[in-house]
Amino acid sequence: MNTLVFCGIDTSIYVDTSLREAFNIGYDIILVSDSLGLGNKRHYETTLERVRDYYDRVLEHQDPTN
């Protein structure tokens, strides 16, 4: 399996850069949208849109206890 799941802080810089690099070397990408920190909502939304359009999947965390 060559899939990486991404979450983290500063979505539009650190997470975006890391997932693009992983994609460029052959990994499938999953971005967990509600497990991301952001400084600018517009940049966050742009990152989510770009990942949906170009890289792979954007998912939300689902708590199995609910």
C-alpha atoms as a PDB file:
ATOM      1  CA  MET A   1       0.000   0.000   0.000  1.00  0.00           C
ATOM      2  CA  ASN A   2       1.396   3.378  -1.018  1.00  0.00           C
ATOM      3  CA  THR A   3      -1.093   5.721   0.621  1.00  0.00           C
ATOM      4  CA  LEU A   4      -0.296   8.545   3.026  1.00  0.00           C
ATOM      5  CA  VAL A   5      -2.902  10.213   5.241  1.00  0.00           C
ATOM      6  CA  PHE A   6      -2.259  13.879   6.000  1.00  0.00           C
ATOM      7  CA  CYS A   7      -3.337  16.119   8.831  1.00  0.00           C
ATOM      8  CA  GLY A   8      -1.440  18.894  10.550  1.00  0.00           C
ATOM      9  CA  ILE A   9      -0.939  22.579  11.202  1.00  0.00           C
ATOM     10  CA  ASP A  10      -0.792  25.421   8.677  1.00  0.00           C
ATOM     11  CA  THR A  11      -2.618  23.649   5.892  1.00  0.00           C
ATOM     12  CA  SER A  12      -1.658  25.933   3.037  1.00  0.00           C
ATOM     13  CA  ILE A  13       2.080  25.747   3.707  1.00  0.00           C
ATOM     14  CA  TYR A  14       3.367  22.704   5.588  1.00  0.00           C
ATOM     15  CA  VAL A  15       0.652  20.171   4.847  1.00  0.00           C
ATOM     16  CA  ASP A  16       0.240  21.265   1.215  1.00  0.00           C
ATOM     17  CA  THR A  17       3.999  21.123   0.554  1.00  0.00           C
ATOM     18  CA  SER A  18       4.359  17.697   2.167  1.00  0.00           C
ATOM     19  CA  LEU A  19       1.444  16.140   0.310  1.00  0.00           C
ATOM     20  CA  ARG A  20       2.586  17.548  -3.044  1.00  0.00           C
ATOM     21  CA  GLU A  21       6.054  16.088  -2.538  1.00  0.00           C
ATOM     22  CA  ALA A  22       4.598  12.710  -1.548  1.00  0.00           C
ATOM     23  CA  PHE A  23       2.321  12.733  -4.601  1.00  0.00           C
ATOM     24  CA  ASN A  24       5.240  13.635  -6.885  1.00  0.00           C
ATOM     25  CA  ILE A  25       7.181  10.556  -5.760  1.00  0.00           C
ATOM     26  CA  GLY A  26       4.256   8.208  -6.258  1.00  0.00           C
ATOM     27  CA  TYR A  27       2.139   8.098  -3.105  1.00  0.00           C
ATOM     28  CA  ASP A  28      -1.647   8.220  -3.094  1.00  0.00           C
ATOM     29  CA  ILE A  29      -2.886  11.051  -0.897  1.00  0.00           C
ATOM     30  CA  ILE A  30      -5.711  11.312   1.621  1.00  0.00           C
ATOM     31  CA  LEU A  31      -6.208  14.677   3.330  1.00  0.00           C
ATOM     32  CA  VAL A  32      -8.306  14.663   6.530  1.00  0.00           C
ATOM     33  CA  SER A  33     -10.043  18.035   6.289  1.00  0.00           C
ATOM     34  CA  ASP A  34     -11.253  18.362   9.878  1.00  0.00           C
ATOM     35  CA  SER A  35      -7.845  17.437  11.314  1.00  0.00           C
ATOM     36  CA  LEU A  36      -6.041  20.470   9.959  1.00  0.00           C
ATOM     37  CA  GLY A  37      -4.970  23.716  11.561  1.00  0.00           C
ATOM     38  CA  LEU A  38      -5.264  26.913   9.622  1.00  0.00           C
ATOM     39  CA  GLY A  39      -4.213  30.508   9.810  1.00  0.00           C
ATOM     40  CA  ASN A  40      -6.223  31.769   6.855  1.00  0.00           C
ATOM     41  CA  LYS A  41      -9.588  30.236   5.947  1.00  0.00           C
ATOM     42  CA  ARG A  42      -9.282  31.206   2.265  1.00  0.00           C
ATOM     43  CA  HIS A  43      -5.919  29.448   1.976  1.00  0.00           C
ATOM     44  CA  TYR A  44      -7.353  26.390   3.747  1.00  0.00           C
ATOM     45  CA  GLU A  45     -10.274  26.194   1.302  1.00  0.00           C
ATOM     46  CA  THR A  46      -7.934  26.633  -1.668  1.00  0.00           C
ATOM     47  CA  THR A  47      -5.767  23.753  -0.449  1.00  0.00           C
ATOM     48  CA  LEU A  48      -8.792  21.471  -0.044  1.00  0.00           C
ATOM     49  CA  GLU A  49     -10.014  22.378  -3.525  1.00  0.00           C
ATOM     50  CA  ARG A  50      -6.595  21.762  -5.080  1.00  0.00           C
ATOM     51  CA  VAL A  51      -6.253  18.361  -3.398  1.00  0.00           C
ATOM     52  CA  ARG A  52      -9.734  17.328  -4.563  1.00  0.00           C
ATOM     53  CA  ASP A  53      -9.033  18.449  -8.131  1.00  0.00           C
ATOM     54  CA  TYR A  54      -5.455  17.306  -8.669  1.00  0.00           C
ATOM     55  CA  TYR A  55      -4.165  14.853  -6.114  1.00  0.00           C
ATOM     56  CA  ASP A  56      -6.618  12.478  -4.526  1.00  0.00           C
ATOM     57  CA  ARG A  57      -9.141  12.419  -1.726  1.00  0.00           C
ATOM     58  CA  VAL A  58     -10.284  14.785   0.979  1.00  0.00           C
ATOM     59  CA  LEU A  59     -12.077  13.024   3.822  1.00  0.00           C
ATOM     60  CA  GLU A  60     -13.460  13.977   7.225  1.00  0.00           C
ATOM     61  CA  HIS A  61     -12.554  12.114  10.391  1.00  0.00           C
ATOM     62  CA  GLN A  62     -15.395   9.934  11.602  1.00  0.00           C
ATOM     63  CA  ASP A  63     -15.491   9.114  15.304  1.00  0.00           C
ATOM     64  CA  PRO A  64     -16.514   5.441  15.628  1.00  0.00           C
ATOM     65  CA  THR A  65     -17.997   6.124  19.081  1.00  0.00           C
ATOM     66  CA  ASN A  66     -20.788   8.312  17.645  1.00  0.00           C
END
